[in-house]
Amino acid sequence: MSLVQPLPEGPLDIVGDIHGEYGALMQLLHHLGYDADARHPERRTLVFVGDFCDRGPDSPAVLHKIGQWVEAGRAAAVLGNHEINLLRGDAKDGAGWYFDERVESDNHKYAPYVRTTPTERLAIPAFLQQLPLALERDDLRVVHAAWIDSKIATARMLTPGSIASDYDALEDAAAAHARMLGIRERMDGEKAAWPHSIEDEQFAPPFMAAHADNELNKSMFNPLKVLTCGVERRGREPFFAGGKWRFVERVAWWDEYADPTPVVVGHYWRRVQPVDRKLLGKGDMDMFAHIAPFAWHGKRHNVFCVDYSVGARWTARRAGRAPELDFKLAALRWPERQLMFDDGRLVDTSSFAADSALAAAK
């Protein structure tokens, strides 16, 4: 058994990042034709792209349901970066439902939210550590953030059950690499020359090359992190995102993806209609600024991001707006290549590789 496992056979419904939005999940399944036990009259199978938890009102319920369905063989799932954080005990923003140390800082943004019971604190990691990082079959691939062959090759050599320790070992290797490059010493010099904190949004720093090298080493050295967090490169100028000034930017890896097999991912906060990303705490590049909302993308138009930003519903709740207006949970129906949203809207996707080839031939 590997961290890259076979996709179920037959027609699939591939669900985007859920982020604790239990109500949206159950509405979506209803519109897709599933019952409460994830059974479908046409014997379709649910596939989840990761990021089941954090930020939303009921992460425990989402994880409980998905765990039941996977255990019963009626669903398949891959790990996202938020599940990796949980398994490693890395208490990040939005994880106060699970980590006590995050409750105070999370409450002003995300409350009210359901917290775990002692029983769930044992059951959730036991379920997650058995999940793969990628799923594949001849006609389709599923991964949370990026399908990079060299990184997938590493995942193929690893087995479920020890992903947290394997991930930590790769992080230790990245830290050793940073020490070899002398990154920390150079960062200390940059900090001494800049009087403000890089977490202070009011003061934009100059471009800090050592800080960029540090971020890039952290994001790209560990292959499991690349699969769950995506590809990054050195930026051109600082931008504020995730509570600090950053010096590297995300890369649309799909623009270099040359394989003919389609890939479905989540992770990237796509939207049905434009939303000011700064209101979401995201000052980085919008990777879908020039991609139609329902279009396949990439070099061969055979990559599709199915994350429609349901994880941002907390911002609408905090502002007193209806959260479902701007932030959706979606599923890509395969092989139909249709999108079903949690409000029942069904749309056809566009610009798939075969459509592009047909248009070129006319």
Protein backbone atom coordinates (compact mmCIF):
# COMPACT_ATOMS: atom_id res chain seq x y z
CA MET A 1 0.00 0.00 0.00
CA SER A 2 1.35 3.40 -1.05
CA LEU A 3 0.52 7.07 -0.50
CA VAL A 4 -0.56 7.01 -4.16
CA GLN A 5 -3.54 4.67 -4.48
CA PRO A 6 -6.06 3.63 -7.15
CA LEU A 7 -9.16 5.72 -7.78
CA PRO A 8 -12.43 3.78 -7.57
CA GLU A 9 -13.82 2.57 -10.87
CA GLY A 10 -17.01 3.95 -12.39
CA PRO A 11 -18.53 7.45 -12.34
CA LEU A 12 -17.25 9.83 -9.66
CA ASP A 13 -18.30 13.00 -7.86
CA ILE A 14 -15.14 14.83 -6.80
CA VAL A 15 -15.85 17.23 -3.92
CA GLY A 16 -13.78 20.35 -3.28
CA ASP A 17 -12.34 21.63 0.00
CA ILE A 18 -15.05 21.56 2.71
CA HIS A 19 -13.39 23.36 5.66
CA GLY A 20 -15.92 22.30 8.27
CA GLU A 21 -18.99 23.45 6.31
CA TYR A 22 -21.11 20.45 7.23
CA GLY A 23 -24.41 21.96 6.10
CA ALA A 24 -23.02 22.72 2.64
CA LEU A 25 -21.65 19.18 2.38
CA MET A 26 -24.98 17.55 3.12
CA GLN A 27 -26.84 19.89 0.76
CA LEU A 28 -24.37 19.10 -2.01
CA LEU A 29 -24.75 15.36 -1.53
CA HIS A 30 -28.53 15.71 -1.65
CA HIS A 31 -28.34 17.56 -4.98
CA LEU A 32 -25.94 14.94 -6.33
CA GLY A 33 -28.46 12.21 -5.51
CA TYR A 34 -26.75 10.55 -2.53
CA ASP A 35 -28.54 9.48 0.62
CA ALA A 36 -27.23 10.23 4.12
CA ASP A 37 -25.05 7.10 3.98
CA ALA A 38 -23.42 8.20 0.69
CA ARG A 39 -25.27 5.60 -1.36
CA HIS A 40 -26.18 6.57 -4.93
CA PRO A 41 -28.82 4.85 -7.09
CA GLU A 42 -26.46 4.96 -10.09
CA ARG A 43 -23.58 3.49 -8.06
CA ARG A 44 -21.52 6.66 -8.24
CA THR A 45 -18.63 7.19 -5.80
CA LEU A 46 -17.65 10.27 -3.82
CA VAL A 47 -14.03 11.44 -3.91
CA PHE A 48 -12.76 14.18 -1.56
CA VAL A 49 -9.74 16.35 -2.43
CA GLY A 50 -8.74 17.15 1.17
CA ASP A 51 -9.03 20.13 3.53
CA PHE A 52 -12.06 18.72 5.30
CA CYS A 53 -11.52 20.81 8.43
CA ASP A 54 -10.69 24.22 9.96
CA ARG A 55 -12.45 27.62 9.84
CA GLY A 56 -15.99 26.28 9.41
CA PRO A 57 -18.69 25.64 12.03
CA ASP A 58 -18.51 21.83 12.33
CA SER A 59 -15.25 20.14 11.35
CA PRO A 60 -15.89 17.12 13.64
CA ALA A 61 -19.14 16.28 11.84
CA VAL A 62 -17.50 16.55 8.42
CA LEU A 63 -14.66 14.26 9.43
CA HIS A 64 -17.00 11.80 11.13
CA LYS A 65 -19.14 11.45 8.00
CA ILE A 66 -16.24 11.17 5.58
CA GLY A 67 -14.59 8.62 7.85
CA GLN A 68 -17.76 6.52 7.89
CA TRP A 69 -18.13 6.66 4.12
CA VAL A 70 -14.49 5.82 3.40
CA GLU A 71 -14.57 2.94 5.89
CA ALA A 72 -17.73 1.60 4.21
CA GLY A 73 -16.09 1.76 0.77
CA ARG A 74 -18.55 4.37 -0.54
CA ALA A 75 -16.01 7.19 -0.78
CA ALA A 76 -12.32 7.84 -1.34
CA ALA A 77 -10.27 10.78 -0.10
CA VAL A 78 -6.80 12.33 -0.15
CA LEU A 79 -5.12 14.40 2.53
CA GLY A 80 -4.89 18.17 2.26
CA ASN A 81 -2.48 20.51 4.00
CA HIS A 82 -4.95 21.14 6.85
CA GLU A 83 -5.10 17.42 7.67
CA ILE A 84 -1.30 17.22 7.55
CA ASN A 85 -1.16 20.08 10.07
CA LEU A 86 -3.51 18.21 12.39
CA LEU A 87 -1.56 14.96 12.17
CA ARG A 88 1.69 16.76 12.94
CA GLY A 89 0.23 18.68 15.87
CA ASP A 90 0.84 21.94 14.02
CA ALA A 91 -1.88 24.25 15.39
CA LYS A 92 -2.59 26.72 12.60
CA ASP A 93 -5.18 29.48 12.15
CA GLY A 94 -8.73 28.12 12.17
CA ALA A 95 -7.91 24.88 14.01
CA GLY A 96 -9.32 25.91 17.39
CA TRP A 97 -12.01 23.26 17.02
CA TYR A 98 -9.23 20.71 17.68
CA PHE A 99 -6.29 22.49 19.32
CA ASP A 100 -6.84 24.12 22.71
CA GLU A 101 -4.03 26.59 22.12
CA ARG A 102 -5.86 28.06 19.12
CA VAL A 103 -9.23 28.69 20.80
CA GLU A 104 -8.58 32.18 22.13
CA SER A 105 -7.08 33.50 18.90
CA ASP A 106 -9.65 31.78 16.67
CA ASN A 107 -12.82 32.73 18.49
CA HIS A 108 -13.01 36.32 17.25
CA LYS A 109 -12.90 35.10 13.64
CA TYR A 110 -14.57 31.70 13.49
CA ALA A 111 -16.86 31.23 16.51
CA PRO A 112 -19.29 29.66 17.00
CA TYR A 113 -17.85 26.30 16.03
CA VAL A 114 -18.13 22.75 17.36
CA ARG A 115 -15.11 21.45 19.27
CA THR A 116 -13.96 17.85 19.42
CA THR A 117 -14.84 15.38 22.14
CA PRO A 118 -12.12 13.24 23.77
CA THR A 119 -13.28 10.26 21.72
CA GLU A 120 -13.04 12.23 18.47
CA ARG A 121 -9.51 13.35 19.35
CA LEU A 122 -8.49 9.71 19.12
CA ALA A 123 -10.64 8.70 16.17
CA ILE A 124 -9.82 11.59 13.83
CA PRO A 125 -6.01 11.08 13.61
CA ALA A 126 -6.51 7.32 13.38
CA PHE A 127 -8.70 7.84 10.29
CA LEU A 128 -6.58 10.54 8.65
CA GLN A 129 -3.25 8.74 8.92
CA GLN A 130 -4.60 5.92 6.75
CA LEU A 131 -5.46 8.21 3.83
CA PRO A 132 -3.26 8.58 0.72
CA LEU A 133 -1.90 11.79 -0.78
CA ALA A 134 -3.00 11.02 -4.35
CA LEU A 135 -5.41 8.82 -6.29
CA GLU A 136 -5.10 7.72 -9.90
CA ARG A 137 -6.52 5.57 -12.66
CA ASP A 138 -5.96 5.55 -16.43
CA ASP A 139 -8.35 8.42 -17.16
CA LEU A 140 -7.93 10.65 -14.09
CA ARG A 141 -5.69 11.79 -11.22
CA VAL A 142 -6.67 13.47 -7.94
CA VAL A 143 -4.32 15.30 -5.55
CA HIS A 144 -4.88 18.18 -3.16
CA ALA A 145 -2.60 20.85 -4.66
CA ALA A 146 -0.08 19.74 -7.32
CA TRP A 147 0.74 16.72 -9.44
CA ILE A 148 4.51 16.89 -9.95
CA ASP A 149 5.96 13.58 -11.15
CA SER A 150 9.17 13.77 -9.13
CA LYS A 151 7.24 14.50 -5.91
CA ILE A 152 4.65 11.82 -6.68
CA ALA A 153 7.54 9.36 -7.04
CA THR A 154 8.52 10.02 -3.42
CA ALA A 155 4.94 9.52 -2.26
CA ARG A 156 4.79 6.19 -4.10
CA MET A 157 7.64 4.91 -1.93
CA LEU A 158 5.90 5.80 1.35
CA THR A 159 3.05 3.99 3.07
CA PRO A 160 -0.01 5.21 5.01
CA GLY A 161 0.12 5.08 8.77
CA SER A 162 3.37 6.98 9.26
CA ILE A 163 2.84 10.08 7.14
CA ALA A 164 3.32 12.48 10.07
CA SER A 165 6.73 11.05 10.96
CA ASP A 166 7.75 10.81 7.30
CA TYR A 167 6.70 14.42 6.78
CA ASP A 168 8.62 15.51 9.88
CA ALA A 169 11.75 13.72 8.65
CA LEU A 170 11.53 15.58 5.35
CA GLU A 171 11.05 18.86 7.24
CA ASP A 172 14.17 18.07 9.27
CA ALA A 173 16.04 17.50 6.02
CA ALA A 174 14.81 20.87 4.74
CA ALA A 175 16.04 22.55 7.94
CA ALA A 176 19.46 20.91 7.54
CA HIS A 177 19.58 22.17 3.97
CA ALA A 178 18.80 25.70 5.18
CA ARG A 179 21.63 25.51 7.72
CA MET A 180 24.02 24.38 5.01
CA LEU A 181 23.05 27.45 2.96
CA GLY A 182 23.45 29.79 5.93
CA ILE A 183 19.94 31.13 5.51
CA ARG A 184 19.33 31.92 9.19
CA GLU A 185 22.39 34.13 9.50
CA ARG A 186 21.42 36.08 6.40
CA MET A 187 17.86 36.48 7.72
CA ASP A 188 19.20 37.85 11.00
CA GLY A 189 21.09 40.47 9.02
CA GLU A 190 17.93 41.48 7.14
CA LYS A 191 15.96 41.72 10.39
CA ALA A 192 18.62 43.93 11.94
CA ALA A 193 18.41 46.28 8.96
CA TRP A 194 14.59 46.51 9.04
CA PRO A 195 13.08 48.06 12.20
CA HIS A 196 9.57 46.62 11.81
CA SER A 197 8.08 43.15 12.11
CA ILE A 198 7.23 41.32 8.90
CA GLU A 199 3.86 40.64 10.58
CA ASP A 200 3.11 44.39 10.65
CA GLU A 201 0.94 45.12 7.61
CA GLN A 202 1.38 48.89 7.98
CA PHE A 203 5.05 48.81 7.01
CA ALA A 204 5.97 47.21 3.71
CA PRO A 205 9.55 45.90 3.86
CA PRO A 206 12.05 45.93 1.01
CA PHE A 207 12.49 42.65 -0.81
CA MET A 208 14.40 40.38 1.59
CA ALA A 209 16.35 37.78 -0.37
CA ALA A 210 17.23 35.58 2.61
CA HIS A 211 13.61 35.55 3.76
CA ALA A 212 12.66 34.50 0.23
CA ASP A 213 15.25 31.72 0.28
CA ASN A 214 13.92 30.55 3.64
CA GLU A 215 10.31 30.44 2.41
CA LEU A 216 11.31 28.69 -0.79
CA ASN A 217 13.37 26.09 1.05
CA LYS A 218 10.43 25.42 3.37
CA SER A 219 7.90 25.14 0.56
CA MET A 220 9.81 23.22 -2.10
CA PHE A 221 12.36 20.92 -0.38
CA ASN A 222 9.75 18.58 1.13
CA PRO A 223 7.98 16.71 -1.73
CA LEU A 224 4.94 15.89 0.44
CA LYS A 225 4.47 19.59 1.14
CA VAL A 226 4.54 20.35 -2.59
CA LEU A 227 1.75 17.82 -3.24
CA THR A 228 -0.44 19.32 -0.51
CA CYS A 229 0.52 23.02 -0.68
CA GLY A 230 1.55 23.60 -4.29
CA VAL A 231 4.56 24.99 -6.13
CA GLU A 232 6.23 28.29 -5.26
CA ARG A 233 9.01 30.47 -6.66
CA ARG A 234 10.85 33.60 -5.60
CA GLY A 235 8.59 36.64 -5.86
CA ARG A 236 9.33 40.02 -7.35
CA GLU A 237 8.11 42.24 -4.53
CA PRO A 238 6.73 41.67 -1.02
CA PHE A 239 3.01 41.12 -0.47
CA PHE A 240 1.00 40.67 2.71
CA ALA A 241 -0.83 37.35 3.06
CA GLY A 242 -1.59 34.97 5.90
CA GLY A 243 -0.69 37.53 8.55
CA LYS A 244 2.82 38.39 7.34
CA TRP A 245 4.81 39.88 4.48
CA ARG A 246 5.84 37.20 2.03
CA PHE A 247 8.58 37.02 -0.59
CA VAL A 248 7.66 33.96 -2.66
CA GLU A 249 4.63 33.44 -4.86
CA ARG A 250 2.54 30.51 -5.97
CA VAL A 251 3.16 29.03 -9.39
CA ALA A 252 0.44 27.82 -11.75
CA TRP A 253 2.15 24.44 -12.06
CA TRP A 254 -0.54 23.30 -14.48
CA ASP A 255 0.96 25.59 -17.14
CA GLU A 256 3.88 23.14 -17.27
CA TYR A 257 1.87 19.94 -16.83
CA ALA A 258 2.32 18.06 -20.11
CA ASP A 259 0.84 14.64 -19.32
CA PRO A 260 -2.38 13.71 -21.14
CA THR A 261 -4.09 12.35 -17.99
CA PRO A 262 -6.45 14.95 -16.46
CA VAL A 263 -5.86 16.10 -12.87
CA VAL A 264 -8.41 17.41 -10.36
CA VAL A 265 -7.19 19.50 -7.41
CA GLY A 266 -8.57 21.68 -4.64
CA HIS A 267 -6.61 24.14 -2.47
CA TYR A 268 -6.59 27.29 -4.61
CA TRP A 269 -9.73 29.26 -3.61
CA ARG A 270 -11.41 29.55 -6.99
CA ARG A 271 -14.61 31.62 -7.21
CA VAL A 272 -17.85 31.72 -9.17
CA GLN A 273 -17.84 35.52 -9.09
CA PRO A 274 -15.12 38.06 -8.22
CA VAL A 275 -14.37 38.68 -4.54
CA ASP A 276 -11.84 41.09 -3.05
CA ARG A 277 -9.12 38.68 -1.93
CA LYS A 278 -7.74 41.15 0.59
CA LEU A 279 -10.96 40.80 2.59
CA LEU A 280 -10.01 37.13 2.94
CA GLY A 281 -6.50 37.95 4.13
CA LYS A 282 -5.02 36.95 0.78
CA GLY A 283 -2.79 39.54 -0.83
CA ASP A 284 -1.00 37.10 -3.12
CA MET A 285 -1.49 36.60 -6.84
CA ASP A 286 -4.93 35.46 -7.99
CA MET A 287 -4.11 32.34 -9.99
CA PHE A 288 -7.56 32.37 -11.63
CA ALA A 289 -7.71 36.06 -12.57
CA HIS A 290 -7.64 35.20 -16.27
CA ILE A 291 -9.36 31.79 -16.16
CA ALA A 292 -13.12 31.50 -16.63
CA PRO A 293 -14.95 30.28 -13.49
CA PHE A 294 -15.89 26.88 -14.93
CA ALA A 295 -12.96 26.32 -17.30
CA TRP A 296 -10.35 23.60 -17.34
CA HIS A 297 -6.88 25.13 -17.31
CA GLY A 298 -3.21 24.45 -17.85
CA LYS A 299 -0.92 23.72 -20.76
CA ARG A 300 -3.21 21.00 -22.11
CA HIS A 301 -6.47 22.27 -20.59
CA ASN A 302 -6.73 19.09 -18.55
CA VAL A 303 -6.39 20.37 -14.96
CA PHE A 304 -9.39 21.48 -12.92
CA CYS A 305 -9.52 23.16 -9.51
CA VAL A 306 -12.77 22.26 -7.76
CA ASP A 307 -12.27 24.47 -4.67
CA TYR A 308 -14.83 27.29 -4.87
CA SER A 309 -13.85 29.01 -1.63
CA VAL A 310 -16.43 27.61 0.76
CA GLY A 311 -13.70 27.95 3.38
CA ALA A 312 -14.24 31.72 3.30
CA ARG A 313 -17.86 31.59 4.47
CA TRP A 314 -16.73 32.74 7.91
CA THR A 315 -15.93 36.18 6.44
CA ALA A 316 -19.51 36.56 5.22
CA ARG A 317 -20.95 35.45 8.56
CA ARG A 318 -18.77 37.94 10.38
CA ALA A 319 -19.95 40.71 8.02
CA GLY A 320 -23.61 39.75 8.42
CA ARG A 321 -24.00 38.54 4.82
CA ALA A 322 -25.46 35.28 3.55
CA PRO A 323 -22.36 33.06 3.25
CA GLU A 324 -23.66 30.94 0.39
CA LEU A 325 -23.87 33.89 -2.03
CA ASP A 326 -20.15 34.21 -2.74
CA PHE A 327 -18.57 31.05 -1.37
CA LYS A 328 -19.58 27.67 -2.76
CA LEU A 329 -18.98 23.99 -2.22
CA ALA A 330 -18.78 22.14 -5.53
CA ALA A 331 -18.34 18.67 -6.94
CA LEU A 332 -17.00 17.79 -10.37
CA ARG A 333 -19.01 14.97 -11.92
CA TRP A 334 -16.76 12.61 -13.88
CA PRO A 335 -16.86 11.60 -16.71
CA GLU A 336 -19.68 14.12 -17.38
CA ARG A 337 -17.38 17.07 -16.58
CA GLN A 338 -20.25 18.95 -14.94
CA LEU A 339 -20.16 21.00 -11.74
CA MET A 340 -22.81 20.60 -9.07
CA PHE A 341 -22.94 23.29 -6.38
CA ASP A 342 -24.38 23.05 -2.89
CA ASP A 343 -27.30 25.31 -3.92
CA GLY A 344 -28.32 22.79 -6.59
CA ARG A 345 -26.93 24.67 -9.57
CA LEU A 346 -25.55 22.36 -12.27
CA VAL A 347 -23.23 23.79 -14.93
CA ASP A 348 -21.09 22.37 -17.71
CA THR A 349 -17.34 22.94 -17.50
CA SER A 350 -15.56 24.37 -20.54
CA SER A 351 -12.27 24.30 -22.41
CA PHE A 352 -11.48 20.67 -21.64
CA ALA A 353 -8.58 19.23 -23.66
CA ALA A 354 -10.86 17.31 -26.00
CA ASP A 355 -12.99 20.42 -26.63
CA SER A 356 -9.86 22.45 -27.43
CA ALA A 357 -8.58 19.80 -29.85
CA LEU A 358 -11.96 19.65 -31.59
CA ALA A 359 -12.11 23.42 -31.96
CA ALA A 360 -8.59 23.51 -33.41
CA ALA A 361 -9.53 20.92 -36.01
CA LYS A 362 -12.48 22.96 -37.32
